[in-house]
Amino acid sequence: MAPVKQKNIVLAAVAVGCGLIAAFLTLQMGAKTKTQEVEMVQVPVAAADLSVGTKLKGEELDKFIVMKPMPKDSVPANYVEQMDVLKDKRLTRTIRAGEPFNPQDLTLNGFLNPPPGHSVMSASMSTVEAASGFIGPGAHVDIIASVMMKKSQKWMVFPMFLDMLVLAVNSDATPSSAPGGATLNVGMVSLAVTAEQQLLLQGAISRGATMRMALRHPDKPAVHKVLKAEEIWEILLDRIEDVRDLVAPPILPTMPTVEMVKVKVPTIDLPAGTAITDDLIAKSFKDAEYPLSLVPETAVKELKSYAVNGDYLLKDLPANYFVPKSYLGAKPVEPKMARVGPNDTGSVPKEGEPAELAKPVPPKAVYVDVTIQTAKGVVKYRYQKLANGDHKYVGVVREETDADELKAGESLPEKKPAESGAPKGPITAE
C-alpha cells in the first residue's frame, strides 16, 4: 500500500506543476497578444482651441499643432497624418484642443461655410476700405455707406449693415522695398448675408455707393442705430433729400460737396519755345480734373485762345503740370550780335557807314623784359607771356626802340637765346 500511495503523490505534484506552467504560459501569450493589438501612431492635433477661419501659418505651426501618440484603432478614419499638409491652410470649422485635423476642414482660399439662413456674397473692397487689410475670415464688421443724392448733390452717410460675418478675403502680397518686404492688397470681401441683405447690397453696388468696413470690437456693443430695410431703400432710390425725413436718421452728418474743375496739362515734357497749336493741344495735352481749391488762379484752363494768338511756351513745362499764364506769350526775339564797321576793332559803326558782324578783339600782348649786363654793355631781352603761362622769346630791345611803340602781335627780330646770350629758364619781370 505504501508504494502505491507514494506514486499517487508524485503524479499529483507533476500535475500541479504542469498546471502552473500552463497558466504562466497562457498569461504570457495573452499579454503578448494584447501588446501586439494596441498599435500606437503619432498624429498632429490642435495645441489649443482653434476658431473657425484660423490660418495655420507655416512659420508658426508649432504654435497651433502638436504631435500626440494615439492608438491606431481610435484615430478617425480620415485624418491628417503629416504636419506639412497643414501648412498655410485655413480652418473652415472650430477645432478643439487635442483633436486631430480632418482634410475636409481645411482650405487654401479662406472660404467659410455660411451660418444657417445665410448665403455668401462678395463685394469689391480696397485695402483702405477693408480696414487696411486687418479684416480677415471670421471677423465681424459694420458697413458704413455714403451715397450722393441726385437732386441736392449732397452726400448721405449711413450705417447700412451691422455685425456682418466675413467669410473670405481675396488678397495678395505685392513686393515692396519698405520694411516688411510686402504690401497686402485686398480685392474682394465675401460676407454672410440674408436674402434681404443680398438685395440691399446689390442695390447699393448698382447705385454706386461707397462702402467702408469698420472692424467691430469683440466686447463692445454697436455704436450705430440699425436702419430698417425700407429706410435704406428710401436712400438708394433718392426718395428723400434730408436725413431728418428718416424714421431712424443716420448718426453721421452729410459730407460737403467738392467742386471739381478741368484743366489742360501736358502729357510729355515740353521745352521753351514750343509753339501752341491745335495739333500740339490734341496730341500732347489732356484734360485733368482737380478740386477747384487745389487749382491756382494763374493756371490756364483752356489753350484754344493761345493757339489762335500764335503764342509760344516761354519756359520749360514738365509733364502733368498746370500751365501758368506767365509761361505763354509771343515768340521771344533771339538776341543778335553787335555790328561794327569793317576797319573798326570794337566801336559801334557810324550812321550810314557799312557794317559787318563783330569780330572778336584779340587780347593785348603782354611782354616781359630781362636786362643783362654783358661785356658790350647792358642788353635787354624781350619775352611774350602766352595764355598758358609760358614765355616766348621775342628778341633784343634796342635802346632806340621805345617799349610803348610795340603794337599788339608785333615781334622784334628774333634771335635764338643761345646765339644772343638770352637767359634760359624761368623768366622774371624787370
Protein backbone atom coordinates (compact mmCIF):
# COMPACT_ATOMS: atom_id res chain seq x y z
CA MET A 1 0.00 0.00 0.00
CA ALA A 2 2.77 2.39 0.82
CA PRO A 3 4.42 2.29 -2.64
CA VAL A 4 1.10 2.94 -4.39
CA LYS A 5 0.32 5.93 -2.18
CA GLN A 6 3.74 7.45 -2.79
CA LYS A 7 3.28 7.07 -6.54
CA ASN A 8 -0.02 8.96 -6.42
CA ILE A 9 1.60 11.83 -4.56
CA VAL A 10 4.28 12.16 -7.23
CA LEU A 11 1.72 12.15 -10.01
CA ALA A 12 -0.31 14.81 -8.24
CA ALA A 13 2.76 17.01 -7.83
CA VAL A 14 3.63 16.65 -11.51
CA ALA A 15 0.08 17.57 -12.46
CA VAL A 16 0.13 20.69 -10.29
CA GLY A 17 3.48 21.78 -11.80
CA CYS A 18 2.23 21.30 -15.30
CA GLY A 19 -0.85 23.36 -14.47
CA LEU A 20 1.22 26.21 -13.13
CA ILE A 21 3.45 26.20 -16.17
CA ALA A 22 0.43 26.18 -18.47
CA ALA A 23 -1.14 29.10 -16.58
CA PHE A 24 2.08 31.10 -16.76
CA LEU A 25 2.46 30.47 -20.48
CA THR A 26 -1.16 31.41 -21.04
CA LEU A 27 -0.68 34.72 -19.23
CA GLN A 28 2.46 35.48 -21.20
CA MET A 29 0.81 34.72 -24.50
CA GLY A 30 -2.22 36.82 -23.59
CA ALA A 31 -0.06 39.82 -22.63
CA LYS A 32 1.95 39.46 -25.80
CA THR A 33 -1.20 39.31 -27.89
CA LYS A 34 -2.63 42.40 -26.15
CA THR A 35 0.60 44.34 -26.71
CA GLN A 36 0.60 43.45 -30.35
CA GLU A 37 -3.03 44.51 -30.81
CA VAL A 38 -2.57 48.10 -29.38
CA GLU A 39 -0.59 49.84 -32.18
CA MET A 40 0.24 53.49 -31.49
CA VAL A 41 0.67 56.23 -34.14
CA GLN A 42 1.83 59.89 -33.97
CA VAL A 43 -1.00 62.20 -35.04
CA PRO A 44 -0.97 66.05 -35.47
CA VAL A 45 -3.59 67.52 -33.13
CA ALA A 46 -4.63 71.06 -32.16
CA ALA A 47 -2.42 72.54 -29.44
CA ALA A 48 -5.36 74.68 -28.23
CA ASP A 49 -8.90 75.56 -29.27
CA LEU A 50 -8.67 76.97 -32.81
CA SER A 51 -11.56 79.12 -34.05
CA VAL A 52 -13.06 78.97 -37.49
CA GLY A 53 -11.02 80.93 -40.04
CA THR A 54 -7.68 80.40 -38.24
CA LYS A 55 -4.78 80.32 -40.69
CA LEU A 56 -2.09 77.76 -39.84
CA LYS A 57 0.91 79.83 -40.90
CA GLY A 58 3.88 77.74 -41.97
CA GLU A 59 6.37 79.59 -39.76
CA GLU A 60 4.09 79.25 -36.71
CA LEU A 61 2.88 75.63 -36.98
CA ASP A 62 4.35 74.78 -33.55
CA LYS A 63 2.05 77.41 -32.09
CA PHE A 64 -1.08 75.68 -33.40
CA ILE A 65 -0.15 71.98 -33.67
CA VAL A 66 1.49 69.30 -31.50
CA MET A 67 2.21 65.63 -32.23
CA LYS A 68 0.32 63.18 -29.99
CA PRO A 69 0.60 59.37 -29.77
CA MET A 70 -2.80 57.72 -30.23
CA PRO A 71 -3.95 54.11 -30.60
CA LYS A 72 -4.32 53.44 -34.27
CA ASP A 73 -7.76 51.92 -33.75
CA SER A 74 -9.04 55.13 -32.08
CA VAL A 75 -7.80 57.54 -34.80
CA PRO A 76 -10.57 58.88 -37.13
CA ALA A 77 -10.85 57.19 -40.49
CA ASN A 78 -9.99 60.48 -42.27
CA TYR A 79 -7.23 62.49 -40.58
CA VAL A 80 -4.08 64.44 -41.47
CA GLU A 81 -1.00 62.30 -40.90
CA GLN A 82 1.79 64.85 -41.55
CA MET A 83 2.21 68.43 -40.23
CA ASP A 84 3.40 69.70 -43.63
CA VAL A 85 -0.09 69.06 -45.04
CA LEU A 86 -1.45 71.72 -42.63
CA LYS A 87 0.99 74.43 -43.68
CA ASP A 88 -0.76 77.73 -44.64
CA LYS A 89 -4.20 76.08 -44.57
CA ARG A 90 -7.25 77.81 -43.06
CA LEU A 91 -9.86 76.15 -40.84
CA THR A 92 -13.45 76.03 -42.02
CA ARG A 93 -14.73 74.95 -38.58
CA THR A 94 -13.64 75.21 -34.93
CA ILE A 95 -11.10 72.56 -33.80
CA ARG A 96 -10.84 71.69 -30.10
CA ALA A 97 -7.56 71.14 -28.24
CA GLY A 98 -6.22 67.60 -28.76
CA GLU A 99 -8.49 66.96 -31.76
CA PRO A 100 -6.97 65.59 -35.00
CA PHE A 101 -7.41 67.54 -38.22
CA ASN A 102 -9.78 66.39 -40.95
CA PRO A 103 -8.64 67.30 -44.52
CA GLN A 104 -12.22 68.36 -45.29
CA ASP A 105 -11.96 71.06 -42.61
CA LEU A 106 -9.01 72.73 -44.36
CA THR A 107 -8.90 75.16 -47.26
CA LEU A 108 -6.40 77.40 -49.04
CA ASN A 109 -8.79 80.12 -50.23
CA GLY A 110 -10.15 81.13 -46.82
CA PHE A 111 -13.75 80.19 -47.65
CA LEU A 112 -16.06 79.57 -44.70
CA ASN A 113 -19.38 77.80 -44.57
CA PRO A 114 -22.12 80.43 -44.04
CA PRO A 115 -24.33 80.15 -40.95
CA PRO A 116 -27.83 78.68 -41.35
CA GLY A 117 -30.18 81.02 -43.21
CA HIS A 118 -27.28 82.92 -44.84
CA SER A 119 -25.59 82.88 -48.23
CA VAL A 120 -22.18 84.02 -49.45
CA MET A 121 -21.98 87.32 -51.34
CA SER A 122 -18.87 89.26 -52.35
CA ALA A 123 -18.20 92.97 -52.75
CA SER A 124 -15.19 94.82 -54.14
CA MET A 125 -13.18 96.48 -51.37
CA SER A 126 -9.85 98.28 -51.47
CA THR A 127 -7.25 97.79 -48.76
CA VAL A 128 -8.25 101.12 -47.16
CA GLU A 129 -11.96 100.29 -47.26
CA ALA A 130 -11.23 96.90 -45.62
CA ALA A 131 -9.54 98.44 -42.54
CA SER A 132 -6.06 98.39 -44.11
CA GLY A 133 -6.15 94.61 -44.56
CA PHE A 134 -6.75 93.76 -40.87
CA ILE A 135 -10.15 92.27 -41.68
CA GLY A 136 -9.96 88.51 -42.22
CA PRO A 137 -12.26 85.45 -42.31
CA GLY A 138 -14.23 85.11 -39.11
CA ALA A 139 -14.19 88.83 -38.33
CA HIS A 140 -17.38 90.80 -37.60
CA VAL A 141 -17.71 94.21 -39.27
CA ASP A 142 -20.06 97.17 -39.66
CA ILE A 143 -20.53 98.51 -43.20
CA ILE A 144 -20.85 102.30 -43.49
CA ALA A 145 -22.16 103.56 -46.85
CA SER A 146 -22.25 107.00 -48.47
CA VAL A 147 -24.46 107.99 -51.42
CA MET A 148 -24.54 111.22 -53.46
CA MET A 149 -28.17 112.38 -53.61
CA LYS A 150 -29.02 113.25 -57.21
CA LYS A 151 -31.27 116.24 -56.58
CA SER A 152 -29.49 118.06 -53.75
CA GLN A 153 -25.99 116.85 -54.73
CA LYS A 154 -25.26 116.19 -51.07
CA TRP A 155 -23.72 113.11 -49.55
CA MET A 156 -25.91 110.84 -47.43
CA VAL A 157 -23.84 108.78 -44.97
CA PHE A 158 -25.50 105.95 -43.05
CA PRO A 159 -24.81 102.54 -41.43
CA MET A 160 -26.08 100.02 -43.96
CA PHE A 161 -25.23 96.71 -42.22
CA LEU A 162 -24.15 95.95 -38.66
CA ASP A 163 -22.35 92.90 -37.24
CA MET A 164 -21.69 91.21 -40.60
CA LEU A 165 -19.65 87.97 -40.63
CA VAL A 166 -16.68 87.97 -43.04
CA LEU A 167 -16.34 84.57 -44.72
CA ALA A 168 -13.37 85.14 -47.04
CA VAL A 169 -10.93 87.82 -48.15
CA ASN A 170 -9.27 87.69 -51.55
CA SER A 171 -5.89 89.35 -51.03
CA ASP A 172 -2.36 89.17 -52.36
CA ALA A 173 1.03 90.49 -51.26
CA THR A 174 2.94 92.88 -53.53
CA PRO A 175 6.75 93.01 -53.09
CA SER A 176 7.91 96.30 -51.60
CA SER A 177 11.19 97.96 -50.68
CA ALA A 178 9.65 99.20 -47.44
CA PRO A 179 10.31 97.36 -44.12
CA GLY A 180 8.32 94.14 -44.03
CA GLY A 181 9.06 93.20 -47.65
CA ALA A 182 5.49 93.17 -49.00
CA THR A 183 2.25 95.17 -49.09
CA LEU A 184 -1.15 93.48 -48.65
CA ASN A 185 -3.67 94.28 -51.39
CA VAL A 186 -7.33 93.46 -50.73
CA GLY A 187 -9.56 92.85 -53.74
CA MET A 188 -12.84 91.15 -52.74
CA VAL A 189 -14.51 90.51 -49.38
CA SER A 190 -17.13 87.75 -49.02
CA LEU A 191 -19.88 88.20 -46.42
CA ALA A 192 -22.61 86.04 -44.88
CA VAL A 193 -25.87 87.74 -45.91
CA THR A 194 -29.56 87.04 -45.53
CA ALA A 195 -31.93 87.11 -48.50
CA GLU A 196 -32.94 90.69 -47.66
CA GLN A 197 -29.34 91.81 -47.28
CA GLN A 198 -28.47 90.34 -50.67
CA LEU A 199 -30.89 92.73 -52.39
CA LEU A 200 -29.75 95.73 -50.34
CA LEU A 201 -26.06 95.04 -51.03
CA GLN A 202 -26.66 94.69 -54.76
CA GLY A 203 -28.81 97.83 -54.74
CA ALA A 204 -26.02 99.80 -53.06
CA ILE A 205 -23.45 98.50 -55.58
CA SER A 206 -25.69 99.41 -58.53
CA ARG A 207 -26.35 102.84 -57.02
CA GLY A 208 -22.59 103.50 -56.87
CA ALA A 209 -22.49 103.77 -53.09
CA THR A 210 -19.10 103.99 -51.42
CA MET A 211 -18.80 101.37 -48.70
CA ARG A 212 -16.24 101.08 -45.93
CA MET A 213 -15.85 98.34 -43.33
CA ALA A 214 -15.33 99.04 -39.62
CA LEU A 215 -13.84 96.17 -37.61
CA ARG A 216 -16.02 95.66 -34.55
CA HIS A 217 -14.64 95.39 -31.03
CA PRO A 218 -15.45 91.85 -29.83
CA ASP A 219 -16.57 93.02 -26.37
CA LYS A 220 -18.28 96.32 -27.26
CA PRO A 221 -21.90 96.83 -28.40
CA ALA A 222 -22.80 98.53 -31.68
CA VAL A 223 -22.42 102.32 -31.72
CA HIS A 224 -24.92 102.89 -34.56
CA LYS A 225 -28.66 102.50 -34.71
CA VAL A 226 -29.83 99.86 -37.14
CA LEU A 227 -31.77 101.19 -40.14
CA LYS A 228 -34.75 99.30 -41.46
CA ALA A 229 -34.57 97.82 -44.94
CA GLU A 230 -37.26 100.20 -46.25
CA GLU A 231 -35.32 103.20 -44.90
CA ILE A 232 -32.18 102.09 -46.74
CA TRP A 233 -34.23 101.72 -49.93
CA GLU A 234 -35.53 105.29 -49.45
CA ILE A 235 -31.92 106.48 -49.60
CA LEU A 236 -30.82 104.25 -52.50
CA LEU A 237 -33.86 105.26 -54.60
CA ASP A 238 -33.39 109.01 -53.93
CA ARG A 239 -36.82 109.34 -52.38
CA ILE A 240 -35.59 111.59 -49.58
CA GLU A 241 -33.35 114.66 -49.64
CA ASP A 242 -32.75 115.12 -45.92
CA VAL A 243 -31.72 112.66 -43.27
CA ARG A 244 -34.35 114.15 -40.94
CA ASP A 245 -37.02 112.58 -43.14
CA LEU A 246 -35.96 109.14 -41.94
CA VAL A 247 -37.64 107.47 -39.02
CA ALA A 248 -34.20 106.47 -37.76
CA PRO A 249 -31.82 109.14 -39.12
CA PRO A 250 -28.17 108.27 -39.73
CA ILE A 251 -25.71 109.01 -36.97
CA LEU A 252 -23.13 110.68 -39.21
CA PRO A 253 -23.69 114.10 -40.87
CA THR A 254 -23.79 114.69 -44.60
CA MET A 255 -20.49 115.37 -46.35
CA PRO A 256 -19.80 118.70 -48.15
CA THR A 257 -19.84 118.86 -51.93
CA VAL A 258 -16.42 119.16 -53.58
CA GLU A 259 -16.43 121.39 -56.67
CA MET A 260 -14.25 119.99 -59.45
CA VAL A 261 -12.67 121.77 -62.43
CA LYS A 262 -10.95 120.56 -65.60
CA VAL A 263 -7.60 121.98 -66.71
CA LYS A 264 -5.22 121.19 -69.53
CA VAL A 265 -1.92 119.55 -68.56
CA PRO A 266 0.85 118.26 -70.87
CA THR A 267 1.40 114.52 -71.20
CA ILE A 268 5.11 114.98 -72.01
CA ASP A 269 7.85 117.46 -71.08
CA LEU A 270 7.69 120.49 -73.40
CA PRO A 271 10.74 122.76 -73.93
CA ALA A 272 10.67 126.55 -74.02
CA GLY A 273 9.98 127.90 -77.50
CA THR A 274 7.32 125.29 -78.34
CA ALA A 275 4.52 126.80 -80.44
CA ILE A 276 1.00 126.38 -79.07
CA THR A 277 -1.02 124.87 -81.92
CA ASP A 278 -4.24 122.90 -82.25
CA ASP A 279 -2.22 119.83 -83.22
CA LEU A 280 0.02 120.17 -80.13
CA ILE A 281 -3.02 120.52 -77.87
CA ALA A 282 -4.64 117.40 -79.37
CA LYS A 283 -1.52 115.21 -79.18
CA SER A 284 0.43 116.43 -76.16
CA PHE A 285 -2.24 117.68 -73.70
CA LYS A 286 -5.04 116.04 -71.74
CA ASP A 287 -7.94 117.14 -69.54
CA ALA A 288 -7.27 116.58 -65.84
CA GLU A 289 -9.95 117.04 -63.18
CA TYR A 290 -8.95 118.51 -59.82
CA PRO A 291 -10.78 120.05 -56.85
CA LEU A 292 -11.20 123.76 -57.54
CA SER A 293 -9.46 124.65 -54.28
CA LEU A 294 -6.25 122.94 -55.48
CA VAL A 295 -6.03 124.72 -58.84
CA PRO A 296 -4.17 128.08 -58.67
CA GLU A 297 -5.84 131.13 -60.17
CA THR A 298 -2.89 131.61 -62.54
CA ALA A 299 -3.37 128.16 -64.12
CA VAL A 300 -4.58 128.09 -67.75
CA LYS A 301 -7.84 126.15 -68.03
CA GLU A 302 -8.09 126.22 -71.85
CA LEU A 303 -5.43 126.62 -74.56
CA LYS A 304 -7.56 127.25 -77.66
CA SER A 305 -7.27 131.06 -77.47
CA TYR A 306 -3.48 130.84 -77.08
CA ALA A 307 -3.26 128.70 -80.21
CA VAL A 308 -5.32 131.29 -82.11
CA ASN A 309 -2.95 134.06 -80.95
CA GLY A 310 0.07 132.04 -82.06
CA ASP A 311 1.64 132.06 -78.60
CA TYR A 312 4.70 130.07 -77.51
CA LEU A 313 5.98 128.49 -74.33
CA LEU A 314 8.39 130.90 -72.69
CA LYS A 315 9.74 128.36 -70.17
CA ASP A 316 10.23 124.60 -69.96
CA LEU A 317 6.99 122.88 -68.89
CA PRO A 318 7.14 119.42 -67.22
CA ALA A 319 4.52 116.73 -67.87
CA ASN A 320 1.30 116.67 -65.77
CA TYR A 321 1.91 120.22 -64.53
CA PHE A 322 -0.51 123.13 -64.58
CA VAL A 323 0.25 125.65 -67.34
CA PRO A 324 0.85 129.05 -65.67
CA LYS A 325 -0.34 132.03 -67.68
CA SER A 326 3.12 133.61 -67.33
CA TYR A 327 4.57 130.65 -69.30
CA LEU A 328 2.70 131.69 -72.50
CA GLY A 329 3.34 134.66 -74.79
CA ALA A 330 4.67 135.90 -78.11
CA LYS A 331 7.72 134.20 -79.57
CA PRO A 332 10.82 135.66 -77.88
CA VAL A 333 13.19 137.65 -80.14
CA GLU A 334 16.57 135.98 -80.49
CA PRO A 335 19.46 138.29 -79.49
CA LYS A 336 21.67 139.46 -82.37
CA MET A 337 25.41 140.20 -82.32
CA ALA A 338 26.51 143.83 -82.41
CA ARG A 339 27.58 145.06 -85.82
CA VAL A 340 30.67 147.25 -86.27
CA GLY A 341 32.50 148.97 -89.11
CA PRO A 342 34.88 146.94 -91.32
CA ASN A 343 38.00 148.78 -90.13
CA ASP A 344 36.96 149.16 -86.50
CA THR A 345 38.14 146.92 -83.69
CA GLY A 346 35.21 147.29 -81.38
CA SER A 347 33.39 150.61 -81.82
CA VAL A 348 29.81 150.99 -82.97
CA PRO A 349 29.56 151.92 -86.71
CA LYS A 350 28.65 155.45 -87.52
CA GLU A 351 25.37 156.30 -89.22
CA GLY A 352 25.46 155.48 -92.94
CA GLU A 353 28.69 153.54 -92.56
CA PRO A 354 28.69 149.93 -93.90
CA ALA A 355 28.71 147.32 -91.11
CA GLU A 356 29.63 143.66 -90.65
CA LEU A 357 29.37 141.15 -87.87
CA ALA A 358 31.62 141.97 -84.96
CA LYS A 359 34.89 140.09 -84.84
CA PRO A 360 36.49 139.19 -81.53
CA VAL A 361 39.20 141.65 -80.50
CA PRO A 362 42.49 139.80 -79.87
CA PRO A 363 43.81 140.23 -76.36
CA LYS A 364 46.65 142.71 -75.89
CA ALA A 365 50.05 141.07 -75.83
CA VAL A 366 51.92 141.03 -72.54
CA TYR A 367 55.73 141.27 -72.63
CA VAL A 368 58.43 140.71 -70.04
CA ASP A 369 61.85 142.38 -70.41
CA VAL A 370 65.01 140.89 -68.91
CA THR A 371 68.10 143.12 -68.60
CA ILE A 372 71.60 141.54 -68.55
CA GLN A 373 74.99 143.22 -68.12
CA THR A 374 77.38 141.96 -70.81
CA ALA A 375 80.89 142.88 -71.94
CA LYS A 376 79.38 145.07 -74.63
CA GLY A 377 77.09 146.78 -72.15
CA VAL A 378 73.56 146.40 -70.96
CA VAL A 379 71.33 144.18 -73.17
CA LYS A 380 67.57 143.96 -72.77
CA TYR A 381 65.81 140.75 -73.93
CA ARG A 382 62.06 140.68 -74.51
CA TYR A 383 59.67 137.69 -73.94
CA GLN A 384 55.95 137.43 -74.70
CA LYS A 385 53.77 135.89 -71.97
CA LEU A 386 51.45 133.27 -73.50
CA ALA A 387 47.95 132.36 -72.38
CA ASN A 388 49.14 129.05 -70.88
CA GLY A 389 51.69 130.84 -68.69
CA ASP A 390 54.78 130.06 -70.80
CA HIS A 391 57.10 132.75 -72.22
CA LYS A 392 58.08 133.01 -75.84
CA TYR A 393 61.38 134.69 -76.77
CA VAL A 394 60.82 137.73 -79.00
CA GLY A 395 64.21 139.42 -79.38
CA VAL A 396 66.56 142.14 -78.15
CA VAL A 397 65.10 145.52 -77.34
CA ARG A 398 67.26 148.23 -78.81
CA GLU A 399 67.80 151.32 -76.83
CA GLU A 400 66.30 153.49 -79.54
CA THR A 401 63.10 151.41 -79.51
CA ASP A 402 60.50 152.53 -77.02
CA ALA A 403 58.54 149.62 -75.48
CA ASP A 404 55.31 151.58 -75.77
CA GLU A 405 55.75 151.74 -79.54
CA LEU A 406 55.43 147.96 -79.89
CA LYS A 407 51.98 147.11 -81.16
CA ALA A 408 49.95 144.05 -80.25
CA GLY A 409 51.24 140.99 -82.07
CA GLU A 410 54.44 142.78 -83.29
CA SER A 411 57.67 140.83 -82.88
CA LEU A 412 61.25 142.09 -82.82
CA PRO A 413 63.83 140.42 -85.00
CA GLU A 414 64.03 137.03 -83.37
CA LYS A 415 67.34 135.71 -82.20
CA LYS A 416 67.94 132.40 -80.69
CA PRO A 417 68.78 132.62 -76.98
CA ALA A 418 71.88 130.53 -77.50
CA GLU A 419 73.26 132.97 -80.09
CA SER A 420 72.24 136.19 -78.41
CA GLY A 421 73.11 135.25 -74.89
CA ALA A 422 69.45 135.48 -73.79
CA PRO A 423 68.84 133.82 -70.44
CA LYS A 424 67.21 130.42 -70.27
CA GLY A 425 64.87 129.00 -67.70
CA PRO A 426 62.17 130.83 -65.71
CA ILE A 427 61.63 134.47 -66.66
CA THR A 428 61.08 137.23 -64.14
CA ALA A 429 59.86 140.70 -64.92
CA GLU A 430 62.35 143.52 -64.64
